[in-house]
Amino acid sequence: MHALARRDDPITSHQAAEEVEASGRAASQRQICLLEVWKKPGQTAAEIAAATGLERHVPSRRLPELRKARLVKSGPVRRCTVTGNPSMTWLPMRSEEVSA
């Protein structure tokens, strides 16, 4: 699993993605997000950031990476208690879902 920049992002985004992965910060951030999803399923990315002390944008970047790895899945949209906006929630993948 790697932090990614989109193909059309500027070179600085690609460099930042490489640096955050090489430093181990991305892996640590993914672990923090994953543990929070397991601890309290159904939170939004902003709520996960608030609960864990991560910067606001970090879960928004790491949760899709975890989804791609089939460790979490998107949940229903609801109003976020942090932003007040309709936001996707995040749920853990159950073992039977991962093996399917």
N, C-alpha and C. Protein backbone atom coordinates (compact mmCIF):
# COMPACT_ATOMS: atom_id res chain seq x y z
N MET A 1 0.86 -1.17 0.00
CA MET A 1 0.00 0.00 0.00
C MET A 1 0.91 1.23 0.00
N HIS A 2 0.59 2.18 -0.85
CA HIS A 2 1.42 3.37 -0.96
C HIS A 2 0.56 4.62 -1.04
N ALA A 3 1.07 5.70 -0.46
CA ALA A 3 0.44 7.01 -0.63
C ALA A 3 0.58 7.38 -2.10
N LEU A 4 -0.49 7.85 -2.69
CA LEU A 4 -0.48 8.12 -4.11
C LEU A 4 -0.85 9.55 -4.43
N ALA A 5 -0.31 10.02 -5.51
CA ALA A 5 -0.74 11.27 -6.11
C ALA A 5 -1.40 10.89 -7.44
N ARG A 6 -2.37 11.67 -7.86
CA ARG A 6 -3.02 11.40 -9.14
C ARG A 6 -2.06 11.66 -10.29
N ARG A 7 -2.28 10.98 -11.37
CA ARG A 7 -1.41 11.09 -12.53
C ARG A 7 -1.24 12.54 -12.99
N ASP A 8 -2.32 13.33 -12.92
CA ASP A 8 -2.24 14.71 -13.40
C ASP A 8 -1.88 15.72 -12.31
N ASP A 9 -1.55 15.26 -11.10
CA ASP A 9 -1.10 16.16 -10.04
C ASP A 9 0.28 16.71 -10.36
N PRO A 10 0.61 17.87 -9.81
CA PRO A 10 1.95 18.43 -10.05
C PRO A 10 3.04 17.56 -9.44
N ILE A 11 4.23 17.74 -9.92
CA ILE A 11 5.38 16.95 -9.45
C ILE A 11 5.56 17.06 -7.94
N THR A 12 5.24 18.21 -7.38
CA THR A 12 5.40 18.38 -5.93
C THR A 12 4.49 17.42 -5.16
N SER A 13 3.31 17.13 -5.69
CA SER A 13 2.41 16.17 -5.04
C SER A 13 2.99 14.77 -5.07
N HIS A 14 3.60 14.42 -6.19
CA HIS A 14 4.24 13.10 -6.31
C HIS A 14 5.43 13.00 -5.36
N GLN A 15 6.18 14.06 -5.25
CA GLN A 15 7.33 14.07 -4.34
C GLN A 15 6.87 13.95 -2.89
N ALA A 16 5.80 14.66 -2.55
CA ALA A 16 5.28 14.60 -1.18
C ALA A 16 4.77 13.20 -0.86
N ALA A 17 4.10 12.56 -1.82
CA ALA A 17 3.61 11.20 -1.61
C ALA A 17 4.77 10.23 -1.38
N GLU A 18 5.82 10.39 -2.15
CA GLU A 18 7.00 9.53 -1.98
C GLU A 18 7.64 9.75 -0.61
N GLU A 19 7.74 10.99 -0.19
CA GLU A 19 8.38 11.32 1.09
C GLU A 19 7.57 10.78 2.27
N VAL A 20 6.25 10.97 2.25
CA VAL A 20 5.43 10.52 3.37
C VAL A 20 5.43 9.01 3.46
N GLU A 21 5.54 8.33 2.33
CA GLU A 21 5.63 6.87 2.35
C GLU A 21 7.00 6.42 2.84
N ALA A 22 8.07 7.01 2.32
CA ALA A 22 9.43 6.62 2.69
C ALA A 22 9.71 6.86 4.17
N SER A 23 9.11 7.90 4.73
CA SER A 23 9.36 8.23 6.13
C SER A 23 8.62 7.31 7.09
N GLY A 24 7.65 6.57 6.59
CA GLY A 24 6.84 5.71 7.45
C GLY A 24 5.61 6.40 8.01
N ARG A 25 5.48 7.70 7.76
CA ARG A 25 4.32 8.43 8.29
C ARG A 25 3.01 7.93 7.69
N ALA A 26 3.00 7.62 6.40
CA ALA A 26 1.76 7.16 5.78
C ALA A 26 1.28 5.85 6.41
N ALA A 27 2.20 4.93 6.63
CA ALA A 27 1.84 3.65 7.25
C ALA A 27 1.30 3.87 8.66
N SER A 28 1.95 4.74 9.40
CA SER A 28 1.49 5.05 10.76
C SER A 28 0.10 5.70 10.73
N GLN A 29 -0.10 6.62 9.81
CA GLN A 29 -1.40 7.28 9.68
C GLN A 29 -2.49 6.29 9.28
N ARG A 30 -2.17 5.36 8.38
CA ARG A 30 -3.14 4.34 7.99
C ARG A 30 -3.51 3.48 9.19
N GLN A 31 -2.53 3.12 10.00
CA GLN A 31 -2.79 2.29 11.18
C GLN A 31 -3.69 3.03 12.17
N ILE A 32 -3.42 4.29 12.40
CA ILE A 32 -4.24 5.10 13.31
C ILE A 32 -5.68 5.17 12.80
N CYS A 33 -5.85 5.42 11.52
CA CYS A 33 -7.19 5.50 10.93
C CYS A 33 -7.91 4.17 11.02
N LEU A 34 -7.21 3.08 10.69
CA LEU A 34 -7.81 1.76 10.73
C LEU A 34 -8.27 1.41 12.15
N LEU A 35 -7.43 1.67 13.12
CA LEU A 35 -7.80 1.38 14.51
C LEU A 35 -9.02 2.19 14.94
N GLU A 36 -9.11 3.43 14.50
CA GLU A 36 -10.25 4.27 14.87
C GLU A 36 -11.53 3.77 14.20
N VAL A 37 -11.43 3.31 12.95
CA VAL A 37 -12.61 2.75 12.28
C VAL A 37 -13.09 1.50 13.01
N TRP A 38 -12.17 0.67 13.44
CA TRP A 38 -12.56 -0.53 14.20
C TRP A 38 -13.12 -0.15 15.57
N LYS A 39 -12.54 0.87 16.19
CA LYS A 39 -12.98 1.30 17.51
C LYS A 39 -14.38 1.89 17.47
N LYS A 40 -14.64 2.71 16.45
CA LYS A 40 -15.94 3.39 16.36
C LYS A 40 -16.38 3.46 14.89
N PRO A 41 -16.96 2.38 14.39
CA PRO A 41 -17.41 2.37 12.99
C PRO A 41 -18.45 3.45 12.73
N GLY A 42 -18.47 3.93 11.49
CA GLY A 42 -19.49 4.89 11.08
C GLY A 42 -19.10 6.34 11.22
N GLN A 43 -17.84 6.63 11.50
CA GLN A 43 -17.39 8.02 11.58
C GLN A 43 -17.02 8.54 10.20
N THR A 44 -17.05 9.85 10.07
CA THR A 44 -16.58 10.51 8.85
C THR A 44 -15.06 10.73 8.98
N ALA A 45 -14.44 11.09 7.88
CA ALA A 45 -13.00 11.37 7.91
C ALA A 45 -12.69 12.52 8.88
N ALA A 46 -13.51 13.55 8.89
CA ALA A 46 -13.27 14.68 9.80
C ALA A 46 -13.43 14.26 11.26
N GLU A 47 -14.39 13.39 11.54
CA GLU A 47 -14.58 12.90 12.90
C GLU A 47 -13.40 12.02 13.33
N ILE A 48 -12.89 11.23 12.40
CA ILE A 48 -11.71 10.41 12.68
C ILE A 48 -10.52 11.30 12.97
N ALA A 49 -10.36 12.37 12.19
CA ALA A 49 -9.26 13.31 12.43
C ALA A 49 -9.39 13.92 13.83
N ALA A 50 -10.58 14.34 14.19
CA ALA A 50 -10.79 14.96 15.50
C ALA A 50 -10.54 13.96 16.64
N ALA A 51 -10.98 12.72 16.46
CA ALA A 51 -10.82 11.71 17.50
C ALA A 51 -9.37 11.28 17.69
N THR A 52 -8.59 11.33 16.63
CA THR A 52 -7.22 10.81 16.69
C THR A 52 -6.15 11.90 16.82
N GLY A 53 -6.54 13.14 16.59
CA GLY A 53 -5.56 14.22 16.61
C GLY A 53 -4.79 14.37 15.32
N LEU A 54 -5.19 13.63 14.28
CA LEU A 54 -4.55 13.79 12.97
C LEU A 54 -5.00 15.10 12.33
N GLU A 55 -4.18 15.65 11.45
CA GLU A 55 -4.60 16.82 10.69
C GLU A 55 -5.82 16.45 9.87
N ARG A 56 -6.68 17.42 9.62
CA ARG A 56 -7.98 17.19 8.98
C ARG A 56 -7.88 16.42 7.66
N HIS A 57 -6.88 16.70 6.84
CA HIS A 57 -6.78 16.07 5.52
C HIS A 57 -6.25 14.64 5.55
N VAL A 58 -5.61 14.24 6.62
CA VAL A 58 -4.92 12.94 6.66
C VAL A 58 -5.89 11.76 6.48
N PRO A 59 -6.96 11.64 7.28
CA PRO A 59 -7.87 10.52 7.05
C PRO A 59 -8.49 10.53 5.66
N SER A 60 -8.73 11.71 5.11
CA SER A 60 -9.30 11.80 3.76
C SER A 60 -8.36 11.21 2.72
N ARG A 61 -7.08 11.18 3.00
CA ARG A 61 -6.10 10.57 2.08
C ARG A 61 -5.89 9.09 2.39
N ARG A 62 -5.82 8.76 3.66
CA ARG A 62 -5.47 7.39 4.04
C ARG A 62 -6.64 6.41 3.97
N LEU A 63 -7.86 6.86 4.24
CA LEU A 63 -9.01 5.95 4.21
C LEU A 63 -9.25 5.34 2.82
N PRO A 64 -9.17 6.10 1.73
CA PRO A 64 -9.30 5.46 0.42
C PRO A 64 -8.20 4.43 0.15
N GLU A 65 -7.00 4.66 0.67
CA GLU A 65 -5.92 3.68 0.54
C GLU A 65 -6.29 2.39 1.27
N LEU A 66 -6.87 2.54 2.47
CA LEU A 66 -7.31 1.38 3.24
C LEU A 66 -8.47 0.67 2.54
N ARG A 67 -9.33 1.43 1.89
CA ARG A 67 -10.45 0.83 1.15
C ARG A 67 -9.89 0.01 -0.03
N LYS A 68 -8.92 0.56 -0.73
CA LYS A 68 -8.31 -0.15 -1.85
C LYS A 68 -7.67 -1.46 -1.37
N ALA A 69 -7.13 -1.46 -0.16
CA ALA A 69 -6.53 -2.66 0.42
C ALA A 69 -7.58 -3.59 1.04
N ARG A 70 -8.86 -3.22 0.93
CA ARG A 70 -9.99 -4.00 1.44
C ARG A 70 -9.95 -4.18 2.96
N LEU A 71 -9.52 -3.13 3.65
CA LEU A 71 -9.52 -3.15 5.11
C LEU A 71 -10.68 -2.35 5.69
N VAL A 72 -11.16 -1.38 4.94
CA VAL A 72 -12.34 -0.61 5.32
C VAL A 72 -13.23 -0.47 4.08
N LYS A 73 -14.46 -0.04 4.32
CA LYS A 73 -15.38 0.20 3.21
C LYS A 73 -16.15 1.49 3.48
N SER A 74 -16.69 2.05 2.42
CA SER A 74 -17.51 3.24 2.55
C SER A 74 -18.84 2.86 3.18
N GLY A 75 -19.29 3.72 4.09
CA GLY A 75 -20.58 3.52 4.72
C GLY A 75 -21.58 4.54 4.19
N PRO A 76 -22.72 4.65 4.84
CA PRO A 76 -23.73 5.60 4.39
C PRO A 76 -23.30 7.05 4.62
N VAL A 77 -23.86 7.93 3.82
CA VAL A 77 -23.61 9.36 3.97
C VAL A 77 -24.51 9.88 5.10
N ARG A 78 -23.95 10.73 5.94
CA ARG A 78 -24.73 11.42 6.98
C ARG A 78 -24.07 12.75 7.27
N ARG A 79 -24.75 13.58 8.02
CA ARG A 79 -24.20 14.89 8.37
C ARG A 79 -23.07 14.72 9.38
N CYS A 80 -21.91 15.24 9.04
CA CYS A 80 -20.72 15.15 9.89
C CYS A 80 -20.88 16.09 11.09
N THR A 81 -20.53 15.60 12.27
CA THR A 81 -20.63 16.43 13.47
C THR A 81 -19.52 17.47 13.55
N VAL A 82 -18.47 17.30 12.76
CA VAL A 82 -17.35 18.26 12.76
C VAL A 82 -17.58 19.36 11.72
N THR A 83 -17.89 18.98 10.49
CA THR A 83 -18.02 19.96 9.41
C THR A 83 -19.44 20.45 9.21
N GLY A 84 -20.42 19.66 9.63
CA GLY A 84 -21.81 19.99 9.40
C GLY A 84 -22.29 19.66 8.00
N ASN A 85 -21.42 19.07 7.19
CA ASN A 85 -21.75 18.74 5.80
C ASN A 85 -22.10 17.27 5.66
N PRO A 86 -22.91 16.93 4.64
CA PRO A 86 -23.12 15.50 4.35
C PRO A 86 -21.78 14.87 3.98
N SER A 87 -21.44 13.76 4.62
CA SER A 87 -20.13 13.14 4.42
C SER A 87 -20.26 11.63 4.45
N MET A 88 -19.36 10.98 3.71
CA MET A 88 -19.29 9.53 3.72
C MET A 88 -18.78 9.06 5.08
N THR A 89 -19.30 7.95 5.52
CA THR A 89 -18.80 7.32 6.74
C THR A 89 -17.93 6.13 6.35
N TRP A 90 -17.21 5.61 7.31
CA TRP A 90 -16.27 4.52 7.07
C TRP A 90 -16.54 3.37 8.03
N LEU A 91 -16.51 2.15 7.48
CA LEU A 91 -16.80 0.94 8.24
C LEU A 91 -15.68 -0.08 8.04
N PRO A 92 -15.44 -0.92 9.05
CA PRO A 92 -14.43 -1.98 8.86
C PRO A 92 -14.97 -3.05 7.93
N MET A 93 -14.08 -3.68 7.20
CA MET A 93 -14.46 -4.84 6.39
C MET A 93 -14.49 -6.06 7.32
N ARG A 94 -15.53 -6.83 7.20
CA ARG A 94 -15.60 -8.09 7.97
C ARG A 94 -14.82 -9.16 7.23
N SER A 95 -14.32 -10.13 7.93
CA SER A 95 -13.46 -11.15 7.30
C SER A 95 -14.17 -11.86 6.16
N GLU A 96 -15.46 -12.11 6.28
CA GLU A 96 -16.18 -12.79 5.19
C GLU A 96 -16.31 -11.91 3.95
N GLU A 97 -16.28 -10.58 4.12
CA GLU A 97 -16.32 -9.66 2.98
C GLU A 97 -14.97 -9.62 2.27
N VAL A 98 -13.90 -9.70 3.02
CA VAL A 98 -12.56 -9.64 2.46
C VAL A 98 -12.27 -10.87 1.61
N SER A 99 -12.71 -12.03 2.05
CA SER A 99 -12.43 -13.27 1.34
C SER A 99 -13.36 -13.49 0.16
N ALA A 100 -14.42 -12.70 0.05
CA ALA A 100 -15.39 -12.89 -1.05
C ALA A 100 -14.86 -12.38 -2.37
